[in-house]
């Protein structure tokens, strides 16, 4: 099963996250299936590939709660 979740990038005080599709049994820094964008919590900046996200969700990918909250802030209606 594939989930859309966050992958950490950067140093301790300059942390950013990539929104990626990754197998459920992989760890957070494991092998990525596909990258969809990034999220910077310090600047509240987000960049998303919406068409690819919708395609992956329609093919059966699930969202983690954190990614779902980021999508809600961006006004995306993905379940």
PDB file of N, CA and C in Angstrom:
ATOM      1  N   UNK A   1       0.840  -1.177   0.000  1.00  0.00           N
ATOM      2  CA  UNK A   1       0.000   0.000   0.000  1.00  0.00           C
ATOM      3  C   UNK A   1       0.891   1.249   0.000  1.00  0.00           C
ATOM      4  N   UNK A   2       0.481   2.237  -0.751  1.00  0.00           N
ATOM      5  CA  UNK A   2       1.256   3.473  -0.894  1.00  0.00           C
ATOM      6  C   UNK A   2       0.557   4.590  -0.133  1.00  0.00           C
ATOM      7  N   UNK A   3       1.358   5.415   0.550  1.00  0.00           N
ATOM      8  CA  UNK A   3       0.826   6.575   1.256  1.00  0.00           C
ATOM      9  C   UNK A   3       1.565   7.825   0.813  1.00  0.00           C
ATOM     10  N   UNK A   4       0.850   8.944   0.848  1.00  0.00           N
ATOM     11  CA  UNK A   4       1.493  10.238   0.647  1.00  0.00           C
ATOM     12  C   UNK A   4       1.884  10.744   2.023  1.00  0.00           C
ATOM     13  N   UNK A   5       3.163  10.979   2.213  1.00  0.00           N
ATOM     14  CA  UNK A   5       3.637  11.449   3.509  1.00  0.00           C
ATOM     15  C   UNK A   5       4.795  12.420   3.344  1.00  0.00           C
ATOM     16  N   UNK A   6       5.280  12.943   4.459  1.00  0.00           N
ATOM     17  CA  UNK A   6       6.353  13.930   4.440  1.00  0.00           C
ATOM     18  C   UNK A   6       7.707  13.254   4.602  1.00  0.00           C
ATOM     19  N   UNK A   7       8.687  13.769   3.879  1.00  0.00           N
ATOM     20  CA  UNK A   7      10.067  13.322   4.004  1.00  0.00           C
ATOM     21  C   UNK A   7      10.903  14.536   4.382  1.00  0.00           C
ATOM     22  N   UNK A   8      11.682  14.415   5.445  1.00  0.00           N
ATOM     23  CA  UNK A   8      12.446  15.555   5.949  1.00  0.00           C
ATOM     24  C   UNK A   8      13.660  15.860   5.100  1.00  0.00           C
ATOM     25  N   UNK A   9      13.926  17.163   4.938  1.00  0.00           N
ATOM     26  CA  UNK A   9      15.122  17.649   4.252  1.00  0.00           C
ATOM     27  C   UNK A   9      15.682  18.818   5.040  1.00  0.00           C
ATOM     28  N   UNK A  10      16.972  19.018   4.950  1.00  0.00           N
ATOM     29  CA  UNK A  10      17.590  20.190   5.556  1.00  0.00           C
ATOM     30  C   UNK A  10      18.176  19.915   6.925  1.00  0.00           C
ATOM     31  N   UNK A  11      18.693  20.994   7.515  1.00  0.00           N
ATOM     32  CA  UNK A  11      19.308  20.899   8.834  1.00  0.00           C
ATOM     33  C   UNK A  11      18.276  21.093   9.929  1.00  0.00           C
ATOM     34  N   UNK A  12      18.702  20.968  11.165  1.00  0.00           N
ATOM     35  CA  UNK A  12      17.785  21.022  12.302  1.00  0.00           C
ATOM     36  C   UNK A  12      16.944  22.291  12.336  1.00  0.00           C
ATOM     37  N   UNK A  13      17.562  23.424  12.241  1.00  0.00           N
ATOM     38  CA  UNK A  13      16.828  24.686  12.356  1.00  0.00           C
ATOM     39  C   UNK A  13      16.265  25.184  11.036  1.00  0.00           C
ATOM     40  N   UNK A  14      16.583  24.521   9.948  1.00  0.00           N
ATOM     41  CA  UNK A  14      16.107  24.933   8.614  1.00  0.00           C
ATOM     42  C   UNK A  14      15.398  23.776   7.920  1.00  0.00           C
ATOM     43  N   UNK A  15      14.521  23.129   8.647  1.00  0.00           N
ATOM     44  CA  UNK A  15      13.857  21.929   8.174  1.00  0.00           C
ATOM     45  C   UNK A  15      12.790  22.256   7.135  1.00  0.00           C
ATOM     46  N   UNK A  16      12.795  21.528   6.037  1.00  0.00           N
ATOM     47  CA  UNK A  16      11.711  21.566   5.063  1.00  0.00           C
ATOM     48  C   UNK A  16      11.290  20.126   4.817  1.00  0.00           C
ATOM     49  N   UNK A  17      10.153  19.952   4.211  1.00  0.00           N
ATOM     50  CA  UNK A  17       9.625  18.618   3.968  1.00  0.00           C
ATOM     51  C   UNK A  17       9.240  18.471   2.509  1.00  0.00           C
ATOM     52  N   UNK A  18       9.469  17.302   1.962  1.00  0.00           N
ATOM     53  CA  UNK A  18       8.988  16.972   0.630  1.00  0.00           C
ATOM     54  C   UNK A  18       7.756  16.098   0.798  1.00  0.00           C
ATOM     55  N   UNK A  19       6.743  16.328  -0.020  1.00  0.00           N
ATOM     56  CA  UNK A  19       5.555  15.484  -0.016  1.00  0.00           C
ATOM     57  C   UNK A  19       5.788  14.399  -1.050  1.00  0.00           C
ATOM     58  N   UNK A  20       5.841  13.139  -0.592  1.00  0.00           N
ATOM     59  CA  UNK A  20       6.235  12.032  -1.445  1.00  0.00           C
ATOM     60  C   UNK A  20       5.256  10.866  -1.320  1.00  0.00           C
ATOM     61  N   UNK A  21       5.252  10.008  -2.339  1.00  0.00           N
ATOM     62  CA  UNK A  21       4.544   8.732  -2.279  1.00  0.00           C
ATOM     63  C   UNK A  21       5.575   7.683  -1.904  1.00  0.00           C
ATOM     64  N   UNK A  22       5.260   6.918  -0.865  1.00  0.00           N
ATOM     65  CA  UNK A  22       6.211   5.943  -0.353  1.00  0.00           C
ATOM     66  C   UNK A  22       5.439   4.735   0.169  1.00  0.00           C
ATOM     67  N   UNK A  23       6.043   3.557   0.103  1.00  0.00           N
ATOM     68  CA  UNK A  23       5.405   2.344   0.590  1.00  0.00           C
ATOM     69  C   UNK A  23       5.209   2.438   2.101  1.00  0.00           C
ATOM     70  N   UNK A  24       4.113   1.886   2.590  1.00  0.00           N
ATOM     71  CA  UNK A  24       3.763   1.976   4.014  1.00  0.00           C
ATOM     72  C   UNK A  24       4.834   1.340   4.888  1.00  0.00           C
ATOM     73  N   UNK A  25       5.436   0.270   4.437  1.00  0.00           N
ATOM     74  CA  UNK A  25       6.391  -0.450   5.264  1.00  0.00           C
ATOM     75  C   UNK A  25       7.789   0.164   5.239  1.00  0.00           C
ATOM     76  N   UNK A  26       8.010   1.175   4.414  1.00  0.00           N
ATOM     77  CA  UNK A  26       9.303   1.853   4.383  1.00  0.00           C
ATOM     78  C   UNK A  26       9.386   2.861   5.515  1.00  0.00           C
ATOM     79  N   UNK A  27      10.586   3.152   5.931  1.00  0.00           N
ATOM     80  CA  UNK A  27      10.764   4.185   6.940  1.00  0.00           C
ATOM     81  C   UNK A  27      10.647   5.561   6.290  1.00  0.00           C
ATOM     82  N   UNK A  28      10.677   6.610   7.093  1.00  0.00           N
ATOM     83  CA  UNK A  28      10.443   7.965   6.592  1.00  0.00           C
ATOM     84  C   UNK A  28      11.453   8.384   5.534  1.00  0.00           C
ATOM     85  N   UNK A  29      12.693   7.993   5.682  1.00  0.00           N
ATOM     86  CA  UNK A  29      13.733   8.379   4.726  1.00  0.00           C
ATOM     87  C   UNK A  29      13.993   7.280   3.696  1.00  0.00           C
ATOM     88  N   UNK A  30      13.044   6.378   3.488  1.00  0.00           N
ATOM     89  CA  UNK A  30      13.225   5.247   2.580  1.00  0.00           C
ATOM     90  C   UNK A  30      13.109   5.635   1.120  1.00  0.00           C
ATOM     91  N   UNK A  31      13.029   4.599   0.272  1.00  0.00           N
ATOM     92  CA  UNK A  31      12.970   4.801  -1.165  1.00  0.00           C
ATOM     93  C   UNK A  31      11.622   5.402  -1.565  1.00  0.00           C
ATOM     94  N   UNK A  32      11.674   6.477  -2.336  1.00  0.00           N
ATOM     95  CA  UNK A  32      10.485   7.236  -2.722  1.00  0.00           C
ATOM     96  C   UNK A  32       9.978   6.753  -4.074  1.00  0.00           C
ATOM     97  N   UNK A  33       8.643   6.591  -4.190  1.00  0.00           N
ATOM     98  CA  UNK A  33       8.035   6.246  -5.461  1.00  0.00           C
ATOM     99  C   UNK A  33       7.926   7.469  -6.355  1.00  0.00           C
ATOM    100  N   UNK A  34       7.459   8.585  -5.776  1.00  0.00           N
ATOM    101  CA  UNK A  34       7.270   9.816  -6.547  1.00  0.00           C
ATOM    102  C   UNK A  34       7.246  11.013  -5.605  1.00  0.00           C
ATOM    103  N   UNK A  35       7.784  12.163  -6.022  1.00  0.00           N
ATOM    104  CA  UNK A  35       7.714  13.408  -5.260  1.00  0.00           C
ATOM    105  C   UNK A  35       6.634  14.297  -5.854  1.00  0.00           C
ATOM    106  N   UNK A  36       5.859  14.949  -4.978  1.00  0.00           N
ATOM    107  CA  UNK A  36       4.738  15.772  -5.421  1.00  0.00           C
ATOM    108  C   UNK A  36       4.894  17.252  -5.105  1.00  0.00           C
ATOM    109  N   UNK A  37       5.873  17.611  -4.324  1.00  0.00           N
ATOM    110  CA  UNK A  37       6.050  19.012  -3.972  1.00  0.00           C
ATOM    111  C   UNK A  37       6.769  19.131  -2.644  1.00  0.00           C
ATOM    112  N   UNK A  38       6.698  20.320  -2.050  1.00  0.00           N
ATOM    113  CA  UNK A  38       7.359  20.518  -0.762  1.00  0.00           C
ATOM    114  C   UNK A  38       6.507  21.389   0.144  1.00  0.00           C
ATOM    115  N   UNK A  39       6.865  21.366   1.426  1.00  0.00           N
ATOM    116  CA  UNK A  39       6.199  22.164   2.451  1.00  0.00           C
ATOM    117  C   UNK A  39       7.266  22.750   3.362  1.00  0.00           C
ATOM    118  N   UNK A  40       7.251  24.069   3.522  1.00  0.00           N
ATOM    119  CA  UNK A  40       8.187  24.751   4.398  1.00  0.00           C
ATOM    120  C   UNK A  40       7.390  25.327   5.570  1.00  0.00           C
ATOM    121  N   UNK A  41       7.458  24.701   6.756  1.00  0.00           N
ATOM    122  CA  UNK A  41       6.658  25.165   7.884  1.00  0.00           C
ATOM    123  C   UNK A  41       7.109  26.516   8.446  1.00  0.00           C
ATOM    124  N   UNK A  42       8.347  26.902   8.225  1.00  0.00           N
ATOM    125  CA  UNK A  42       8.832  28.167   8.766  1.00  0.00           C
ATOM    126  C   UNK A  42       8.234  29.367   8.030  1.00  0.00           C
ATOM    127  N   UNK A  43       8.036  29.224   6.728  1.00  0.00           N
ATOM    128  CA  UNK A  43       7.476  30.313   5.923  1.00  0.00           C
ATOM    129  C   UNK A  43       6.038  30.042   5.502  1.00  0.00           C
ATOM    130  N   UNK A  44       5.489  28.881   5.933  1.00  0.00           N
ATOM    131  CA  UNK A  44       4.145  28.462   5.503  1.00  0.00           C
ATOM    132  C   UNK A  44       4.043  28.468   3.975  1.00  0.00           C
ATOM    133  N   UNK A  45       5.074  27.946   3.322  1.00  0.00           N
ATOM    134  CA  UNK A  45       5.150  27.925   1.869  1.00  0.00           C
ATOM    135  C   UNK A  45       4.925  26.493   1.384  1.00  0.00           C
ATOM    136  N   UNK A  46       4.092  26.333   0.370  1.00  0.00           N
ATOM    137  CA  UNK A  46       3.782  25.015  -0.171  1.00  0.00           C
ATOM    138  C   UNK A  46       3.773  25.071  -1.686  1.00  0.00           C
ATOM    139  N   UNK A  47       4.337  24.042  -2.302  1.00  0.00           N
ATOM    140  CA  UNK A  47       4.275  23.901  -3.755  1.00  0.00           C
ATOM    141  C   UNK A  47       3.854  22.468  -4.037  1.00  0.00           C
ATOM    142  N   UNK A  48       2.764  22.295  -4.812  1.00  0.00           N
ATOM    143  CA  UNK A  48       2.195  20.974  -5.053  1.00  0.00           C
ATOM    144  C   UNK A  48       1.959  20.724  -6.529  1.00  0.00           C
ATOM    145  N   UNK A  49       2.096  19.463  -6.932  1.00  0.00           N
ATOM    146  CA  UNK A  49       1.725  19.010  -8.272  1.00  0.00           C
ATOM    147  C   UNK A  49       0.345  18.368  -8.137  1.00  0.00           C
ATOM    148  N   UNK A  50      -0.696  19.177  -8.255  1.00  0.00           N
ATOM    149  CA  UNK A  50      -2.059  18.765  -7.921  1.00  0.00           C
ATOM    150  C   UNK A  50      -2.560  17.649  -8.830  1.00  0.00           C
ATOM    151  N   UNK A  51      -2.290  17.721 -10.113  1.00  0.00           N
ATOM    152  CA  UNK A  51      -2.792  16.690 -11.030  1.00  0.00           C
ATOM    153  C   UNK A  51      -2.191  15.320 -10.708  1.00  0.00           C
ATOM    154  N   UNK A  52      -0.916  15.270 -10.350  1.00  0.00           N
ATOM    155  CA  UNK A  52      -0.279  14.005 -10.007  1.00  0.00           C
ATOM    156  C   UNK A  52      -0.811  13.467  -8.672  1.00  0.00           C
ATOM    157  N   UNK A  53      -1.092  14.363  -7.733  1.00  0.00           N
ATOM    158  CA  UNK A  53      -1.640  13.947  -6.436  1.00  0.00           C
ATOM    159  C   UNK A  53      -3.014  13.322  -6.625  1.00  0.00           C
ATOM    160  N   UNK A  54      -3.847  13.954  -7.423  1.00  0.00           N
ATOM    161  CA  UNK A  54      -5.194  13.426  -7.670  1.00  0.00           C
ATOM    162  C   UNK A  54      -5.113  12.066  -8.358  1.00  0.00           C
ATOM    163  N   UNK A  55      -4.211  11.917  -9.324  1.00  0.00           N
ATOM    164  CA  UNK A  55      -4.064  10.642 -10.027  1.00  0.00           C
ATOM    165  C   UNK A  55      -3.627   9.528  -9.070  1.00  0.00           C
ATOM    166  N   UNK A  56      -2.685   9.824  -8.172  1.00  0.00           N
ATOM    167  CA  UNK A  56      -2.230   8.815  -7.225  1.00  0.00           C
ATOM    168  C   UNK A  56      -3.335   8.444  -6.236  1.00  0.00           C
ATOM    169  N   UNK A  57      -4.111   9.427  -5.784  1.00  0.00           N
ATOM    170  CA  UNK A  57      -5.192   9.141  -4.839  1.00  0.00           C
ATOM    171  C   UNK A  57      -6.292   8.317  -5.497  1.00  0.00           C
ATOM    172  N   UNK A  58      -6.571   8.563  -6.753  1.00  0.00           N
ATOM    173  CA  UNK A  58      -7.575   7.775  -7.468  1.00  0.00           C
ATOM    174  C   UNK A  58      -7.116   6.344  -7.693  1.00  0.00           C
ATOM    175  N   UNK A  59      -5.806   6.129  -7.763  1.00  0.00           N
ATOM    176  CA  UNK A  59      -5.293   4.771  -7.961  1.00  0.00           C
ATOM    177  C   UNK A  59      -5.154   4.010  -6.644  1.00  0.00           C
ATOM    178  N   UNK A  60      -5.540   4.622  -5.507  1.00  0.00           N
ATOM    179  CA  UNK A  60      -5.579   3.892  -4.243  1.00  0.00           C
ATOM    180  C   UNK A  60      -4.612   4.353  -3.179  1.00  0.00           C
ATOM    181  N   UNK A  61      -3.861   5.411  -3.404  1.00  0.00           N
ATOM    182  CA  UNK A  61      -2.930   5.895  -2.387  1.00  0.00           C
ATOM    183  C   UNK A  61      -3.696   6.571  -1.255  1.00  0.00           C
ATOM    184  N   UNK A  62      -3.211   6.402  -0.036  1.00  0.00           N
ATOM    185  CA  UNK A  62      -3.826   7.012   1.142  1.00  0.00           C
ATOM    186  C   UNK A  62      -2.998   8.218   1.561  1.00  0.00           C
ATOM    187  N   UNK A  63      -3.595   9.091   2.367  1.00  0.00           N
ATOM    188  CA  UNK A  63      -2.911  10.273   2.884  1.00  0.00           C
ATOM    189  C   UNK A  63      -2.673  10.123   4.376  1.00  0.00           C
ATOM    190  N   UNK A  64      -1.537  10.613   4.858  1.00  0.00           N
ATOM    191  CA  UNK A  64      -1.347  10.697   6.302  1.00  0.00           C
ATOM    192  C   UNK A  64      -2.106  11.919   6.803  1.00  0.00           C
ATOM    193  N   UNK A  65      -2.332  11.979   8.103  1.00  0.00           N
ATOM    194  CA  UNK A  65      -3.093  13.098   8.664  1.00  0.00           C
ATOM    195  C   UNK A  65      -2.390  14.432   8.440  1.00  0.00           C
ATOM    196  N   UNK A  66      -1.081  14.457   8.547  1.00  0.00           N
ATOM    197  CA  UNK A  66      -0.337  15.696   8.362  1.00  0.00           C
ATOM    198  C   UNK A  66      -0.462  16.203   6.931  1.00  0.00           C
ATOM    199  N   UNK A  67      -0.334  15.319   5.972  1.00  0.00           N
ATOM    200  CA  UNK A  67      -0.464  15.709   4.564  1.00  0.00           C
ATOM    201  C   UNK A  67      -1.896  16.163   4.287  1.00  0.00           C
ATOM    202  N   UNK A  68      -2.869  15.474   4.860  1.00  0.00           N
ATOM    203  CA  UNK A  68      -4.277  15.868   4.694  1.00  0.00           C
ATOM    204  C   UNK A  68      -4.507  17.280   5.237  1.00  0.00           C
ATOM    205  N   UNK A  69      -3.894  17.608   6.388  1.00  0.00           N
ATOM    206  CA  UNK A  69      -4.025  18.955   6.955  1.00  0.00           C
ATOM    207  C   UNK A  69      -3.388  20.013   6.059  1.00  0.00           C
ATOM    208  N   UNK A  70      -2.249  19.691   5.451  1.00  0.00           N
ATOM    209  CA  UNK A  70      -1.596  20.629   4.528  1.00  0.00           C
ATOM    210  C   UNK A  70      -2.497  20.870   3.321  1.00  0.00           C
ATOM    211  N   UNK A  71      -3.122  19.822   2.802  1.00  0.00           N
ATOM    212  CA  UNK A  71      -4.027  19.965   1.658  1.00  0.00           C
ATOM    213  C   UNK A  71      -5.250  20.805   2.035  1.00  0.00           C
ATOM    214  N   UNK A  72      -5.749  20.643   3.253  1.00  0.00           N
ATOM    215  CA  UNK A  72      -6.893  21.461   3.694  1.00  0.00           C
ATOM    216  C   UNK A  72      -6.521  22.934   3.745  1.00  0.00           C
ATOM    217  N   UNK A  73      -5.317  23.230   4.219  1.00  0.00           N
ATOM    218  CA  UNK A  73      -4.869  24.632   4.252  1.00  0.00           C
ATOM    219  C   UNK A  73      -4.757  25.216   2.860  1.00  0.00           C
ATOM    220  N   UNK A  74      -4.450  24.369   1.881  1.00  0.00           N
ATOM    221  CA  UNK A  74      -4.346  24.811   0.483  1.00  0.00           C
ATOM    222  C   UNK A  74      -5.683  24.713  -0.256  1.00  0.00           C
ATOM    223  N   UNK A  75      -6.748  24.357   0.464  1.00  0.00           N
ATOM    224  CA  UNK A  75      -8.113  24.246  -0.072  1.00  0.00           C
ATOM    225  C   UNK A  75      -8.241  23.180  -1.150  1.00  0.00           C
ATOM    226  N   UNK A  76      -7.561  22.041  -0.961  1.00  0.00           N
ATOM    227  CA  UNK A  76      -7.699  20.892  -1.847  1.00  0.00           C
ATOM    228  C   UNK A  76      -8.690  19.919  -1.236  1.00  0.00           C
ATOM    229  N   UNK A  77      -9.631  19.433  -2.001  1.00  0.00           N
ATOM    230  CA  UNK A  77     -10.647  18.501  -1.510  1.00  0.00           C
ATOM    231  C   UNK A  77     -10.287  17.089  -1.946  1.00  0.00           C
ATOM    232  N   UNK A  78      -9.276  16.501  -1.305  1.00  0.00           N
ATOM    233  CA  UNK A  78      -8.850  15.150  -1.615  1.00  0.00           C
ATOM    234  C   UNK A  78      -9.116  14.295  -0.396  1.00  0.00           C
ATOM    235  N   UNK A  79      -9.756  13.154  -0.593  1.00  0.00           N
ATOM    236  CA  UNK A  79     -10.068  12.269   0.540  1.00  0.00           C
ATOM    237  C   UNK A  79      -9.092  11.134   0.626  1.00  0.00           C
TER     238      UNK A  79
END
